Amino acid sequence: MNATSNTFQSRRRIAQNYSLVWVDGTIDRSEEEWKNNIAVVQSIISDINTFIKPDECVPFLNAVSTEKILVITSGFLGEILVQDIHDLSSVYAIYILCGNEARHKAWTKSWSKIQGVFTSRYDS
């Protein structure tokens, strides 16, 4: 095994302790880009739950008590959703994936669980 393989395997083992909740009003499960995004994420985290509306996602997150949840949300929905989920003990980290980083940078600074605002799944 090379260094890249070792790093990938290490990330996969760590990620097995987490579930992912992805909330985005523009999710189109038939779209090729969406399928590619999910495939990339599933190579690391196998338990992925997708929601189109925050009011679908909040009851799910409230019902989870023992898992660590990573949340990816759009900037627009994130502004609505974060205030409802930030203090939940199951929510470990929140990532904002949007088309306008500058617009969302300011409001996200108030929330400690937000790990960043990203415009691409390739941002690091």
PDB file of N, CA and C in Angstrom:
ATOM      1  N   MET A   1       0.823  -1.181   0.000  1.00  0.00           N
ATOM      2  CA  MET A   1       0.000   0.000   0.000  1.00  0.00           C
ATOM      3  C   MET A   1       0.869   1.247   0.000  1.00  0.00           C
ATOM      4  N   ASN A   2       0.500   2.227  -0.799  1.00  0.00           N
ATOM      5  CA  ASN A   2       1.261   3.473  -0.809  1.00  0.00           C
ATOM      6  C   ASN A   2       0.660   4.478   0.176  1.00  0.00           C
ATOM      7  N   ALA A   3       1.293   5.645   0.293  1.00  0.00           N
ATOM      8  CA  ALA A   3       0.856   6.652   1.267  1.00  0.00           C
ATOM      9  C   ALA A   3      -0.563   7.140   0.988  1.00  0.00           C
ATOM     10  N   THR A   4      -0.906   7.295  -0.295  1.00  0.00           N
ATOM     11  CA  THR A   4      -2.249   7.740  -0.647  1.00  0.00           C
ATOM     12  C   THR A   4      -3.286   6.719  -0.220  1.00  0.00           C
ATOM     13  N   SER A   5      -3.025   5.449  -0.454  1.00  0.00           N
ATOM     14  CA  SER A   5      -3.943   4.391  -0.050  1.00  0.00           C
ATOM     15  C   SER A   5      -4.099   4.351   1.460  1.00  0.00           C
ATOM     16  N   ASN A   6      -2.998   4.503   2.176  1.00  0.00           N
ATOM     17  CA  ASN A   6      -3.061   4.507   3.638  1.00  0.00           C
ATOM     18  C   ASN A   6      -3.902   5.665   4.153  1.00  0.00           C
ATOM     19  N   THR A   7      -3.734   6.842   3.569  1.00  0.00           N
ATOM     20  CA  THR A   7      -4.507   8.013   3.976  1.00  0.00           C
ATOM     21  C   THR A   7      -5.984   7.793   3.712  1.00  0.00           C
ATOM     22  N   PHE A   8      -6.318   7.266   2.526  1.00  0.00           N
ATOM     23  CA  PHE A   8      -7.705   7.007   2.177  1.00  0.00           C
ATOM     24  C   PHE A   8      -8.319   6.003   3.143  1.00  0.00           C
ATOM     25  N   GLN A   9      -7.617   4.913   3.426  1.00  0.00           N
ATOM     26  CA  GLN A   9      -8.130   3.898   4.350  1.00  0.00           C
ATOM     27  C   GLN A   9      -8.328   4.480   5.743  1.00  0.00           C
ATOM     28  N   SER A  10      -7.414   5.320   6.180  1.00  0.00           N
ATOM     29  CA  SER A  10      -7.533   5.956   7.489  1.00  0.00           C
ATOM     30  C   SER A  10      -8.767   6.852   7.540  1.00  0.00           C
ATOM     31  N   ARG A  11      -8.983   7.645   6.504  1.00  0.00           N
ATOM     32  CA  ARG A  11     -10.164   8.512   6.451  1.00  0.00           C
ATOM     33  C   ARG A  11     -11.441   7.691   6.444  1.00  0.00           C
ATOM     34  N   ARG A  12     -11.436   6.594   5.710  1.00  0.00           N
ATOM     35  CA  ARG A  12     -12.626   5.747   5.637  1.00  0.00           C
ATOM     36  C   ARG A  12     -12.953   5.157   7.000  1.00  0.00           C
ATOM     37  N   ARG A  13     -11.934   4.688   7.749  1.00  0.00           N
ATOM     38  CA  ARG A  13     -12.178   4.140   9.087  1.00  0.00           C
ATOM     39  C   ARG A  13     -12.742   5.207  10.011  1.00  0.00           C
ATOM     40  N   ILE A  14     -12.195   6.397   9.958  1.00  0.00           N
ATOM     41  CA  ILE A  14     -12.694   7.492  10.794  1.00  0.00           C
ATOM     42  C   ILE A  14     -14.127   7.838  10.401  1.00  0.00           C
ATOM     43  N   ALA A  15     -14.407   7.919   9.111  1.00  0.00           N
ATOM     44  CA  ALA A  15     -15.722   8.318   8.625  1.00  0.00           C
ATOM     45  C   ALA A  15     -16.794   7.289   8.932  1.00  0.00           C
ATOM     46  N   GLN A  16     -16.424   6.042   9.178  1.00  0.00           N
ATOM     47  CA  GLN A  16     -17.418   5.029   9.507  1.00  0.00           C
ATOM     48  C   GLN A  16     -18.128   5.347  10.817  1.00  0.00           C
ATOM     49  N   ASN A  17     -17.573   6.211  11.622  1.00  0.00           N
ATOM     50  CA  ASN A  17     -18.203   6.610  12.869  1.00  0.00           C
ATOM     51  C   ASN A  17     -19.194   7.753  12.675  1.00  0.00           C
ATOM     52  N   TYR A  18     -19.381   8.198  11.459  1.00  0.00           N
ATOM     53  CA  TYR A  18     -20.237   9.340  11.166  1.00  0.00           C
ATOM     54  C   TYR A  18     -21.309   8.972  10.152  1.00  0.00           C
ATOM     55  N   SER A  19     -22.391   9.744  10.194  1.00  0.00           N
ATOM     56  CA  SER A  19     -23.409   9.713   9.153  1.00  0.00           C
ATOM     57  C   SER A  19     -23.432  11.092   8.513  1.00  0.00           C
ATOM     58  N   LEU A  20     -23.911  11.147   7.298  1.00  0.00           N
ATOM     59  CA  LEU A  20     -23.984  12.418   6.584  1.00  0.00           C
ATOM     60  C   LEU A  20     -25.434  12.758   6.297  1.00  0.00           C
ATOM     61  N   VAL A  21     -25.795  13.996   6.557  1.00  0.00           N
ATOM     62  CA  VAL A  21     -27.089  14.534   6.153  1.00  0.00           C
ATOM     63  C   VAL A  21     -26.798  15.646   5.156  1.00  0.00           C
ATOM     64  N   TRP A  22     -27.367  15.534   3.965  1.00  0.00           N
ATOM     65  CA  TRP A  22     -27.158  16.519   2.902  1.00  0.00           C
ATOM     66  C   TRP A  22     -28.502  17.178   2.619  1.00  0.00           C
ATOM     67  N   VAL A  23     -28.581  18.496   2.814  1.00  0.00           N
ATOM     68  CA  VAL A  23     -29.824  19.244   2.647  1.00  0.00           C
ATOM     69  C   VAL A  23     -29.618  20.289   1.560  1.00  0.00           C
ATOM     70  N   ASP A  24     -30.357  20.139   0.468  1.00  0.00           N
ATOM     71  CA  ASP A  24     -30.201  21.065  -0.649  1.00  0.00           C
ATOM     72  C   ASP A  24     -31.484  21.047  -1.466  1.00  0.00           C
ATOM     73  N   GLY A  25     -32.092  22.197  -1.628  1.00  0.00           N
ATOM     74  CA  GLY A  25     -33.338  22.301  -2.378  1.00  0.00           C
ATOM     75  C   GLY A  25     -33.192  22.017  -3.855  1.00  0.00           C
ATOM     76  N   THR A  26     -31.975  21.965  -4.349  1.00  0.00           N
ATOM     77  CA  THR A  26     -31.761  21.726  -5.780  1.00  0.00           C
ATOM     78  C   THR A  26     -31.341  20.291  -6.076  1.00  0.00           C
ATOM     79  N   ILE A  27     -31.461  19.409  -5.098  1.00  0.00           N
ATOM     80  CA  ILE A  27     -31.076  18.014  -5.328  1.00  0.00           C
ATOM     81  C   ILE A  27     -31.934  17.419  -6.440  1.00  0.00           C
ATOM     82  N   ASP A  28     -31.279  16.867  -7.428  1.00  0.00           N
ATOM     83  CA  ASP A  28     -31.933  16.135  -8.507  1.00  0.00           C
ATOM     84  C   ASP A  28     -31.199  14.809  -8.621  1.00  0.00           C
ATOM     85  N   ARG A  29     -31.777  13.774  -8.027  1.00  0.00           N
ATOM     86  CA  ARG A  29     -31.100  12.477  -7.938  1.00  0.00           C
ATOM     87  C   ARG A  29     -30.830  11.836  -9.293  1.00  0.00           C
ATOM     88  N   SER A  30     -31.483  12.339 -10.354  1.00  0.00           N
ATOM     89  CA  SER A  30     -31.242  11.780 -11.686  1.00  0.00           C
ATOM     90  C   SER A  30     -30.108  12.500 -12.416  1.00  0.00           C
ATOM     91  N   GLU A  31     -29.670  13.617 -11.894  1.00  0.00           N
ATOM     92  CA  GLU A  31     -28.626  14.418 -12.533  1.00  0.00           C
ATOM     93  C   GLU A  31     -27.250  13.767 -12.358  1.00  0.00           C
ATOM     94  N   GLU A  32     -26.473  13.782 -13.413  1.00  0.00           N
ATOM     95  CA  GLU A  32     -25.152  13.135 -13.394  1.00  0.00           C
ATOM     96  C   GLU A  32     -24.218  13.761 -12.357  1.00  0.00           C
ATOM     97  N   GLU A  33     -24.217  15.091 -12.238  1.00  0.00           N
ATOM     98  CA  GLU A  33     -23.353  15.746 -11.251  1.00  0.00           C
ATOM     99  C   GLU A  33     -23.708  15.301  -9.832  1.00  0.00           C
ATOM    100  N   TRP A  34     -25.005  15.187  -9.547  1.00  0.00           N
ATOM    101  CA  TRP A  34     -25.438  14.729  -8.221  1.00  0.00           C
ATOM    102  C   TRP A  34     -24.942  13.306  -7.958  1.00  0.00           C
ATOM    103  N   LYS A  35     -25.085  12.445  -8.942  1.00  0.00           N
ATOM    104  CA  LYS A  35     -24.613  11.062  -8.791  1.00  0.00           C
ATOM    105  C   LYS A  35     -23.111  11.026  -8.525  1.00  0.00           C
ATOM    106  N   ASN A  36     -22.361  11.865  -9.230  1.00  0.00           N
ATOM    107  CA  ASN A  36     -20.911  11.926  -9.015  1.00  0.00           C
ATOM    108  C   ASN A  36     -20.580  12.426  -7.615  1.00  0.00           C
ATOM    109  N   ASN A  37     -21.284  13.466  -7.157  1.00  0.00           N
ATOM    110  CA  ASN A  37     -21.057  13.984  -5.805  1.00  0.00           C
ATOM    111  C   ASN A  37     -21.311  12.906  -4.752  1.00  0.00           C
ATOM    112  N   ILE A  38     -22.415  12.201  -4.888  1.00  0.00           N
ATOM    113  CA  ILE A  38     -22.749  11.151  -3.920  1.00  0.00           C
ATOM    114  C   ILE A  38     -21.725  10.027  -3.977  1.00  0.00           C
ATOM    115  N   ALA A  39     -21.284   9.654  -5.161  1.00  0.00           N
ATOM    116  CA  ALA A  39     -20.283   8.587  -5.284  1.00  0.00           C
ATOM    117  C   ALA A  39     -18.990   8.957  -4.567  1.00  0.00           C
ATOM    118  N   VAL A  40     -18.565  10.209  -4.712  1.00  0.00           N
ATOM    119  CA  VAL A  40     -17.348  10.664  -4.032  1.00  0.00           C
ATOM    120  C   VAL A  40     -17.524  10.568  -2.524  1.00  0.00           C
ATOM    121  N   VAL A  41     -18.635  11.057  -2.029  1.00  0.00           N
ATOM    122  CA  VAL A  41     -18.875  11.044  -0.582  1.00  0.00           C
ATOM    123  C   VAL A  41     -19.041   9.614  -0.073  1.00  0.00           C
ATOM    124  N   GLN A  42     -19.758   8.766  -0.817  1.00  0.00           N
ATOM    125  CA  GLN A  42     -19.970   7.383  -0.377  1.00  0.00           C
ATOM    126  C   GLN A  42     -18.682   6.571  -0.352  1.00  0.00           C
ATOM    127  N   SER A  43     -17.665   7.024  -1.043  1.00  0.00           N
ATOM    128  CA  SER A  43     -16.389   6.312  -0.962  1.00  0.00           C
ATOM    129  C   SER A  43     -15.755   6.496   0.414  1.00  0.00           C
ATOM    130  N   ILE A  44     -16.256   7.477   1.171  1.00  0.00           N
ATOM    131  CA  ILE A  44     -15.735   7.741   2.513  1.00  0.00           C
ATOM    132  C   ILE A  44     -16.773   7.453   3.589  1.00  0.00           C
ATOM    133  N   ILE A  45     -18.000   7.905   3.381  1.00  0.00           N
ATOM    134  CA  ILE A  45     -19.085   7.725   4.352  1.00  0.00           C
ATOM    135  C   ILE A  45     -20.207   6.966   3.668  1.00  0.00           C
ATOM    136  N   SER A  46     -20.571   5.816   4.205  1.00  0.00           N
ATOM    137  CA  SER A  46     -21.590   5.014   3.541  1.00  0.00           C
ATOM    138  C   SER A  46     -23.014   5.407   3.929  1.00  0.00           C
ATOM    139  N   ASP A  47     -23.217   5.962   5.111  1.00  0.00           N
ATOM    140  CA  ASP A  47     -24.558   6.313   5.580  1.00  0.00           C
ATOM    141  C   ASP A  47     -24.871   7.763   5.222  1.00  0.00           C
ATOM    142  N   ILE A  48     -25.619   7.948   4.125  1.00  0.00           N
ATOM    143  CA  ILE A  48     -25.956   9.281   3.636  1.00  0.00           C
ATOM    144  C   ILE A  48     -27.474   9.413   3.565  1.00  0.00           C
ATOM    145  N   ASN A  49     -27.984  10.491   4.136  1.00  0.00           N
ATOM    146  CA  ASN A  49     -29.410  10.804   4.084  1.00  0.00           C
ATOM    147  C   ASN A  49     -29.558  12.151   3.401  1.00  0.00           C
ATOM    148  N   THR A  50     -30.411  12.233   2.379  1.00  0.00           N
ATOM    149  CA  THR A  50     -30.588  13.481   1.649  1.00  0.00           C
ATOM    150  C   THR A  50     -31.990  14.032   1.885  1.00  0.00           C
ATOM    151  N   PHE A  51     -32.053  15.346   1.959  1.00  0.00           N
ATOM    152  CA  PHE A  51     -33.317  16.038   2.158  1.00  0.00           C
ATOM    153  C   PHE A  51     -33.346  17.265   1.264  1.00  0.00           C
ATOM    154  N   ILE A  52     -34.541  17.632   0.821  1.00  0.00           N
ATOM    155  CA  ILE A  52     -34.705  18.804  -0.022  1.00  0.00           C
ATOM    156  C   ILE A  52     -35.115  20.015   0.813  1.00  0.00           C
ATOM    157  N   LYS A  53     -35.814  19.776   1.924  1.00  0.00           N
ATOM    158  CA  LYS A  53     -36.314  20.872   2.757  1.00  0.00           C
ATOM    159  C   LYS A  53     -35.802  20.730   4.186  1.00  0.00           C
ATOM    160  N   PRO A  54     -35.489  21.849   4.833  1.00  0.00           N
ATOM    161  CA  PRO A  54     -35.051  21.791   6.231  1.00  0.00           C
ATOM    162  C   PRO A  54     -36.080  21.145   7.150  1.00  0.00           C
ATOM    163  N   ASP A  55     -37.379  21.401   6.902  1.00  0.00           N
ATOM    164  CA  ASP A  55     -38.391  20.844   7.797  1.00  0.00           C
ATOM    165  C   ASP A  55     -38.526  19.326   7.665  1.00  0.00           C
ATOM    166  N   GLU A  56     -37.941  18.730   6.636  1.00  0.00           N
ATOM    167  CA  GLU A  56     -37.870  17.270   6.530  1.00  0.00           C
ATOM    168  C   GLU A  56     -36.682  16.743   7.325  1.00  0.00           C
ATOM    169  N   CYS A  57     -35.631  17.519   7.360  1.00  0.00           N
ATOM    170  CA  CYS A  57     -34.364  17.100   7.949  1.00  0.00           C
ATOM    171  C   CYS A  57     -34.323  17.263   9.468  1.00  0.00           C
ATOM    172  N   VAL A  58     -34.924  18.319  10.006  1.00  0.00           N
ATOM    173  CA  VAL A  58     -34.848  18.606  11.441  1.00  0.00           C
ATOM    174  C   VAL A  58     -35.425  17.470  12.289  1.00  0.00           C
ATOM    175  N   PRO A  59     -36.607  16.924  11.972  1.00  0.00           N
ATOM    176  CA  PRO A  59     -37.104  15.800  12.781  1.00  0.00           C
ATOM    177  C   PRO A  59     -36.164  14.591  12.754  1.00  0.00           C
ATOM    178  N   PHE A  60     -35.559  14.344  11.602  1.00  0.00           N
ATOM    179  CA  PHE A  60     -34.590  13.247  11.502  1.00  0.00           C
ATOM    180  C   PHE A  60     -33.422  13.485  12.453  1.00  0.00           C
ATOM    181  N   LEU A  61     -32.860  14.680  12.432  1.00  0.00           N
ATOM    182  CA  LEU A  61     -31.726  15.004  13.299  1.00  0.00           C
ATOM    183  C   LEU A  61     -32.115  14.975  14.774  1.00  0.00           C
ATOM    184  N   ASN A  62     -33.325  15.401  15.098  1.00  0.00           N
ATOM    185  CA  ASN A  62     -33.795  15.357  16.486  1.00  0.00           C
ATOM    186  C   ASN A  62     -33.936  13.929  16.992  1.00  0.00           C
ATOM    187  N   ALA A  63     -34.229  13.000  16.093  1.00  0.00           N
ATOM    188  CA  ALA A  63     -34.421  11.600  16.489  1.00  0.00           C
ATOM    189  C   ALA A  63     -33.106  10.861  16.706  1.00  0.00           C
ATOM    190  N   VAL A  64     -32.025  11.394  16.179  1.00  0.00           N
ATOM    191  CA  VAL A  64     -30.716  10.751  16.304  1.00  0.00           C
ATOM    192  C   VAL A  64     -30.059  11.232  17.587  1.00  0.00           C
ATOM    193  N   SER A  65     -29.630  10.278  18.416  1.00  0.00           N
ATOM    194  CA  SER A  65     -29.003  10.718  19.664  1.00  0.00           C
ATOM    195  C   SER A  65     -27.599  10.154  19.864  1.00  0.00           C
ATOM    196  N   THR A  66     -27.294   9.038  19.230  1.00  0.00           N
ATOM    197  CA  THR A  66     -26.001   8.406  19.498  1.00  0.00           C
ATOM    198  C   THR A  66     -24.986   8.565  18.380  1.00  0.00           C
ATOM    199  N   GLU A  67     -25.427   8.915  17.192  1.00  0.00           N
ATOM    200  CA  GLU A  67     -24.503   9.042  16.069  1.00  0.00           C
ATOM    201  C   GLU A  67     -23.914  10.446  16.001  1.00  0.00           C
ATOM    202  N   LYS A  68     -22.789  10.551  15.342  1.00  0.00           N
ATOM    203  CA  LYS A  68     -22.217  11.852  15.010  1.00  0.00           C
ATOM    204  C   LYS A  68     -22.617  12.149  13.570  1.00  0.00           C
ATOM    205  N   ILE A  69     -23.243  13.295  13.384  1.00  0.00           N
ATOM    206  CA  ILE A  69     -23.761  13.658  12.071  1.00  0.00           C
ATOM    207  C   ILE A  69     -22.945  14.807  11.484  1.00  0.00           C
ATOM    208  N   LEU A  70     -22.542  14.637  10.240  1.00  0.00           N
ATOM    209  CA  LEU A  70     -21.956  15.713   9.447  1.00  0.00           C
ATOM    210  C   LEU A  70     -23.070  16.233   8.550  1.00  0.00           C
ATOM    211  N   VAL A  71     -23.241  17.531   8.479  1.00  0.00           N
ATOM    212  CA  VAL A  71     -24.307  18.121   7.676  1.00  0.00           C
ATOM    213  C   VAL A  71     -23.686  18.951   6.559  1.00  0.00           C
ATOM    214  N   ILE A  72     -24.137  18.699   5.332  1.00  0.00           N
ATOM    215  CA  ILE A  72     -23.809  19.549   4.187  1.00  0.00           C
ATOM    216  C   ILE A  72     -25.113  20.214   3.780  1.00  0.00           C
ATOM    217  N   THR A  73     -25.087  21.517   3.636  1.00  0.00           N
ATOM    218  CA  THR A  73     -26.287  22.224   3.212  1.00  0.00           C
ATOM    219  C   THR A  73     -25.916  23.356   2.258  1.00  0.00           C
ATOM    220  N   SER A  74     -26.884  23.745   1.473  1.00  0.00           N
ATOM    221  CA  SER A  74     -26.670  24.902   0.602  1.00  0.00           C
ATOM    222  C   SER A  74     -26.625  26.156   1.465  1.00  0.00           C
ATOM    223  N   GLY A  75     -26.076  27.215   0.924  1.00  0.00           N
ATOM    224  CA  GLY A  75     -26.007  28.469   1.668  1.00  0.00           C
ATOM    225  C   GLY A  75     -27.378  29.018   1.993  1.00  0.00           C
ATOM    226  N   PHE A  76     -28.268  29.007   1.016  1.00  0.00           N
ATOM    227  CA  PHE A  76     -29.614  29.538   1.217  1.00  0.00           C
ATOM    228  C   PHE A  76     -30.342  28.769   2.314  1.00  0.00           C
ATOM    229  N   LEU A  77     -30.372  27.441   2.221  1.00  0.00           N
ATOM    230  CA  LEU A  77     -31.058  26.643   3.239  1.00  0.00           C
ATOM    231  C   LEU A  77     -30.300  26.642   4.555  1.00  0.00           C
ATOM    232  N   GLY A  78     -28.989  26.765   4.476  1.00  0.00           N
ATOM    233  CA  GLY A  78     -28.184  26.801   5.689  1.00  0.00           C
ATOM    234  C   GLY A  78     -28.556  27.950   6.592  1.00  0.00           C
ATOM    235  N   GLU A  79     -28.858  29.104   5.997  1.00  0.00           N
ATOM    236  CA  GLU A  79     -29.258  30.260   6.801  1.00  0.00           C
ATOM    237  C   GLU A  79     -30.505  29.956   7.626  1.00  0.00           C
ATOM    238  N   ILE A  80     -31.386  29.135   7.102  1.00  0.00           N
ATOM    239  CA  ILE A  80     -32.613  28.745   7.797  1.00  0.00           C
ATOM    240  C   ILE A  80     -32.337  27.591   8.761  1.00  0.00           C
ATOM    241  N   LEU A  81     -31.593  26.616   8.300  1.00  0.00           N
ATOM    242  CA  LEU A  81     -31.407  25.358   9.015  1.00  0.00           C
ATOM    243  C   LEU A  81     -30.467  25.446  10.213  1.00  0.00           C
ATOM    244  N   VAL A  82     -29.393  26.159  10.097  1.00  0.00           N
ATOM    245  CA  VAL A  82     -28.352  26.150  11.128  1.00  0.00           C
ATOM    246  C   VAL A  82     -28.896  26.550  12.492  1.00  0.00           C
ATOM    247  N   GLN A  83     -29.756  27.544  12.538  1.00  0.00           N
ATOM    248  CA  GLN A  83     -30.287  27.967  13.833  1.00  0.00           C
ATOM    249  C   GLN A  83     -31.104  26.869  14.509  1.00  0.00           C
ATOM    250  N   ASP A  84     -31.677  25.949  13.744  1.00  0.00           N
ATOM    251  CA  ASP A  84     -32.480  24.864  14.311  1.00  0.00           C
ATOM    252  C   ASP A  84     -31.662  23.642  14.703  1.00  0.00           C
ATOM    253  N   ILE A  85     -30.476  23.478  14.124  1.00  0.00           N
ATOM    254  CA  ILE A  85     -29.727  22.236  14.365  1.00  0.00           C
ATOM    255  C   ILE A  85     -28.394  22.424  15.064  1.00  0.00           C
ATOM    256  N   HIS A  86     -27.890  23.638  15.119  1.00  0.00           N
ATOM    257  CA  HIS A  86     -26.536  23.873  15.612  1.00  0.00           C
ATOM    258  C   HIS A  86     -26.301  23.305  17.003  1.00  0.00           C
ATOM    259  N   ASP A  87     -27.257  23.425  17.893  1.00  0.00           N
ATOM    260  CA  ASP A  87     -27.060  22.999  19.273  1.00  0.00           C
ATOM    261  C   ASP A  87     -27.410  21.535  19.533  1.00  0.00           C
ATOM    262  N   LEU A  88     -27.809  20.800  18.514  1.00  0.00           N
ATOM    263  CA  LEU A  88     -28.097  19.377  18.697  1.00  0.00           C
ATOM    264  C   LEU A  88     -26.799  18.627  18.951  1.00  0.00           C
ATOM    265  N   SER A  89     -26.792  17.768  19.953  1.00  0.00           N
ATOM    266  CA  SER A  89     -25.560  17.046  20.297  1.00  0.00           C
ATOM    267  C   SER A  89     -25.125  16.085  19.196  1.00  0.00           C
ATOM    268  N   SER A  90     -26.059  15.595  18.400  1.00  0.00           N
ATOM    269  CA  SER A  90     -25.707  14.661  17.324  1.00  0.00           C
ATOM    270  C   SER A  90     -25.027  15.358  16.147  1.00  0.00           C
ATOM    271  N   VAL A  91     -25.228  16.659  15.990  1.00  0.00           N
ATOM    272  CA  VAL A  91     -24.613  17.399  14.879  1.00  0.00           C
ATOM    273  C   VAL A  91     -23.183  17.737  15.263  1.00  0.00           C
ATOM    274  N   TYR A  92     -22.256  17.092  14.573  1.00  0.00           N
ATOM    275  CA  TYR A  92     -20.836  17.249  14.875  1.00  0.00           C
ATOM    276  C   TYR A  92     -20.215  18.417  14.111  1.00  0.00           C
ATOM    277  N   ALA A  93     -20.580  18.538  12.829  1.00  0.00           N
ATOM    278  CA  ALA A  93     -20.003  19.592  11.990  1.00  0.00           C
ATOM    279  C   ALA A  93     -20.971  19.918  10.863  1.00  0.00           C
ATOM    280  N   ILE A  94     -20.901  21.173  10.403  1.00  0.00           N
ATOM    281  CA  ILE A  94     -21.757  21.650   9.327  1.00  0.00           C
ATOM    282  C   ILE A  94     -20.868  22.264   8.244  1.00  0.00           C
ATOM    283  N   TYR A  95     -21.158  21.909   6.999  1.00  0.00           N
ATOM    284  CA  TYR A  95     -20.422  22.425   5.844  1.00  0.00           C
ATOM    285  C   TYR A  95     -21.421  23.107   4.915  1.00  0.00           C
ATOM    286  N   ILE A  96     -21.088  24.297   4.463  1.00  0.00           N
ATOM    287  CA  ILE A  96     -21.944  25.040   3.547  1.00  0.00           C
ATOM    288  C   ILE A  96     -21.361  24.887   2.140  1.00  0.00           C
ATOM    289  N   LEU A  97     -22.161  24.341   1.224  1.00  0.00           N
ATOM    290  CA  LEU A  97     -21.750  24.156  -0.169  1.00  0.00           C
ATOM    291  C   LEU A  97     -22.655  25.043  -1.016  1.00  0.00           C
ATOM    292  N   CYS A  98     -22.075  26.085  -1.602  1.00  0.00           N
ATOM    293  CA  CYS A  98     -22.898  27.079  -2.283  1.00  0.00           C
ATOM    294  C   CYS A  98     -22.181  27.630  -3.516  1.00  0.00           C
ATOM    295  N   GLY A  99     -22.872  28.487  -4.230  1.00  0.00           N
ATOM    296  CA  GLY A  99     -22.287  29.105  -5.410  1.00  0.00           C
ATOM    297  C   GLY A  99     -21.699  30.481  -5.153  1.00  0.00           C
ATOM    298  N   ASN A 100     -21.899  31.012  -3.934  1.00  0.00           N
ATOM    299  CA  ASN A 100     -21.444  32.372  -3.641  1.00  0.00           C
ATOM    300  C   ASN A 100     -20.819  32.418  -2.252  1.00  0.00           C
ATOM    301  N   GLU A 101     -19.545  32.089  -2.184  1.00  0.00           N
ATOM    302  CA  GLU A 101     -18.835  32.020  -0.907  1.00  0.00           C
ATOM    303  C   GLU A 101     -18.882  33.347  -0.152  1.00  0.00           C
ATOM    304  N   ALA A 102     -18.675  34.448  -0.845  1.00  0.00           N
ATOM    305  CA  ALA A 102     -18.629  35.762  -0.188  1.00  0.00           C
ATOM    306  C   ALA A 102     -19.945  36.085   0.515  1.00  0.00           C
ATOM    307  N   ARG A 103     -21.055  35.712  -0.081  1.00  0.00           N
ATOM    308  CA  ARG A 103     -22.374  36.003   0.495  1.00  0.00           C
ATOM    309  C   ARG A 103     -22.585  35.280   1.816  1.00  0.00           C
ATOM    310  N   HIS A 104     -22.040  34.088   1.947  1.00  0.00           N
ATOM    311  CA  HIS A 104     -22.338  33.260   3.118  1.00  0.00           C
ATOM    312  C   HIS A 104     -21.245  33.272   4.178  1.00  0.00           C
ATOM    313  N   LYS A 105     -20.078  33.796   3.858  1.00  0.00           N
ATOM    314  CA  LYS A 105     -18.968  33.828   4.827  1.00  0.00           C
ATOM    315  C   LYS A 105     -19.341  34.575   6.104  1.00  0.00           C
ATOM    316  N   ALA A 106     -19.993  35.722   5.969  1.00  0.00           N
ATOM    317  CA  ALA A 106     -20.262  36.582   7.132  1.00  0.00           C
ATOM    318  C   ALA A 106     -21.166  35.905   8.155  1.00  0.00           C
ATOM    319  N   TRP A 107     -22.321  35.390   7.724  1.00  0.00           N
ATOM    320  CA  TRP A 107     -23.252  34.823   8.703  1.00  0.00           C
ATOM    321  C   TRP A 107     -22.744  33.521   9.312  1.00  0.00           C
ATOM    322  N   THR A 108     -21.902  32.792   8.599  1.00  0.00           N
ATOM    323  CA  THR A 108     -21.430  31.506   9.130  1.00  0.00           C
ATOM    324  C   THR A 108     -20.441  31.671  10.274  1.00  0.00           C
ATOM    325  N   LYS A 109     -19.815  32.824  10.387  1.00  0.00           N
ATOM    326  CA  LYS A 109     -18.821  33.037  11.446  1.00  0.00           C
ATOM    327  C   LYS A 109     -19.430  32.993  12.843  1.00  0.00           C
ATOM    328  N   SER A 110     -20.727  33.159  12.954  1.00  0.00           N
ATOM    329  CA  SER A 110     -21.403  33.155  14.255  1.00  0.00           C
ATOM    330  C   SER A 110     -21.658  31.750  14.788  1.00  0.00           C
ATOM    331  N   TRP A 111     -21.381  30.742  14.003  1.00  0.00           N
ATOM    332  CA  TRP A 111     -21.734  29.369  14.368  1.00  0.00           C
ATOM    333  C   TRP A 111     -20.477  28.499  14.420  1.00  0.00           C
ATOM    334  N   SER A 112     -20.140  28.014  15.585  1.00  0.00           N
ATOM    335  CA  SER A 112     -18.873  27.293  15.790  1.00  0.00           C
ATOM    336  C   SER A 112     -18.796  25.943  15.086  1.00  0.00           C
ATOM    337  N   LYS A 113     -19.927  25.298  14.839  1.00  0.00           N
ATOM    338  CA  LYS A 113     -19.895  23.984  14.186  1.00  0.00           C
ATOM    339  C   LYS A 113     -19.733  24.079  12.671  1.00  0.00           C
ATOM    340  N   ILE A 114     -19.874  25.270  12.109  1.00  0.00           N
ATOM    341  CA  ILE A 114     -19.684  25.427  10.668  1.00  0.00           C
ATOM    342  C   ILE A 114     -18.190  25.396  10.381  1.00  0.00           C
ATOM    343  N   GLN A 115     -17.792  24.429   9.574  1.00  0.00           N
ATOM    344  CA  GLN A 115     -16.383  24.204   9.269  1.00  0.00           C
ATOM    345  C   GLN A 115     -15.886  24.998   8.073  1.00  0.00           C
ATOM    346  N   GLY A 116     -16.811  25.574   7.323  1.00  0.00           N
ATOM    347  CA  GLY A 116     -16.398  26.373   6.187  1.00  0.00           C
ATOM    348  C   GLY A 116     -17.498  26.528   5.165  1.00  0.00           C
ATOM    349  N   VAL A 117     -17.257  27.446   4.241  1.00  0.00           N
ATOM    350  CA  VAL A 117     -18.139  27.687   3.108  1.00  0.00           C
ATOM    351  C   VAL A 117     -17.361  27.272   1.871  1.00  0.00           C
ATOM    352  N   PHE A 118     -17.941  26.383   1.088  1.00  0.00           N
ATOM    353  CA  PHE A 118     -17.245  25.807  -0.064  1.00  0.00           C
ATOM    354  C   PHE A 118     -18.081  26.013  -1.319  1.00  0.00           C
ATOM    355  N   THR A 119     -17.418  26.266  -2.432  1.00  0.00           N
ATOM    356  CA  THR A 119     -18.117  26.439  -3.699  1.00  0.00           C
ATOM    357  C   THR A 119     -17.981  25.217  -4.595  1.00  0.00           C
ATOM    358  N   SER A 120     -17.228  24.240  -4.145  1.00  0.00           N
ATOM    359  CA  SER A 120     -17.001  23.024  -4.918  1.00  0.00           C
ATOM    360  C   SER A 120     -16.694  21.889  -3.963  1.00  0.00           C
ATOM    361  N   ARG A 121     -17.043  20.687  -4.345  1.00  0.00           N
ATOM    362  CA  ARG A 121     -16.695  19.547  -3.491  1.00  0.00           C
ATOM    363  C   ARG A 121     -15.184  19.335  -3.460  1.00  0.00           C
ATOM    364  N   TYR A 122     -14.451  20.017  -4.357  1.00  0.00           N
ATOM    365  CA  TYR A 122     -13.001  19.870  -4.417  1.00  0.00           C
ATOM    366  C   TYR A 122     -12.271  20.876  -3.543  1.00  0.00           C
ATOM    367  N   ASP A 123     -13.000  21.855  -2.975  1.00  0.00           N
ATOM    368  CA  ASP A 123     -12.367  22.801  -2.048  1.00  0.00           C
ATOM    369  C   ASP A 123     -11.856  22.038  -0.841  1.00  0.00           C
ATOM    370  N   SER A 124     -10.784  22.526  -0.240  1.00  0.00           N
ATOM    371  CA  SER A 124     -10.292  21.856   0.970  1.00  0.00           C
ATOM    372  C   SER A 124     -10.148  22.834   2.101  1.00  0.00           C
TER     373      SER A 124
END
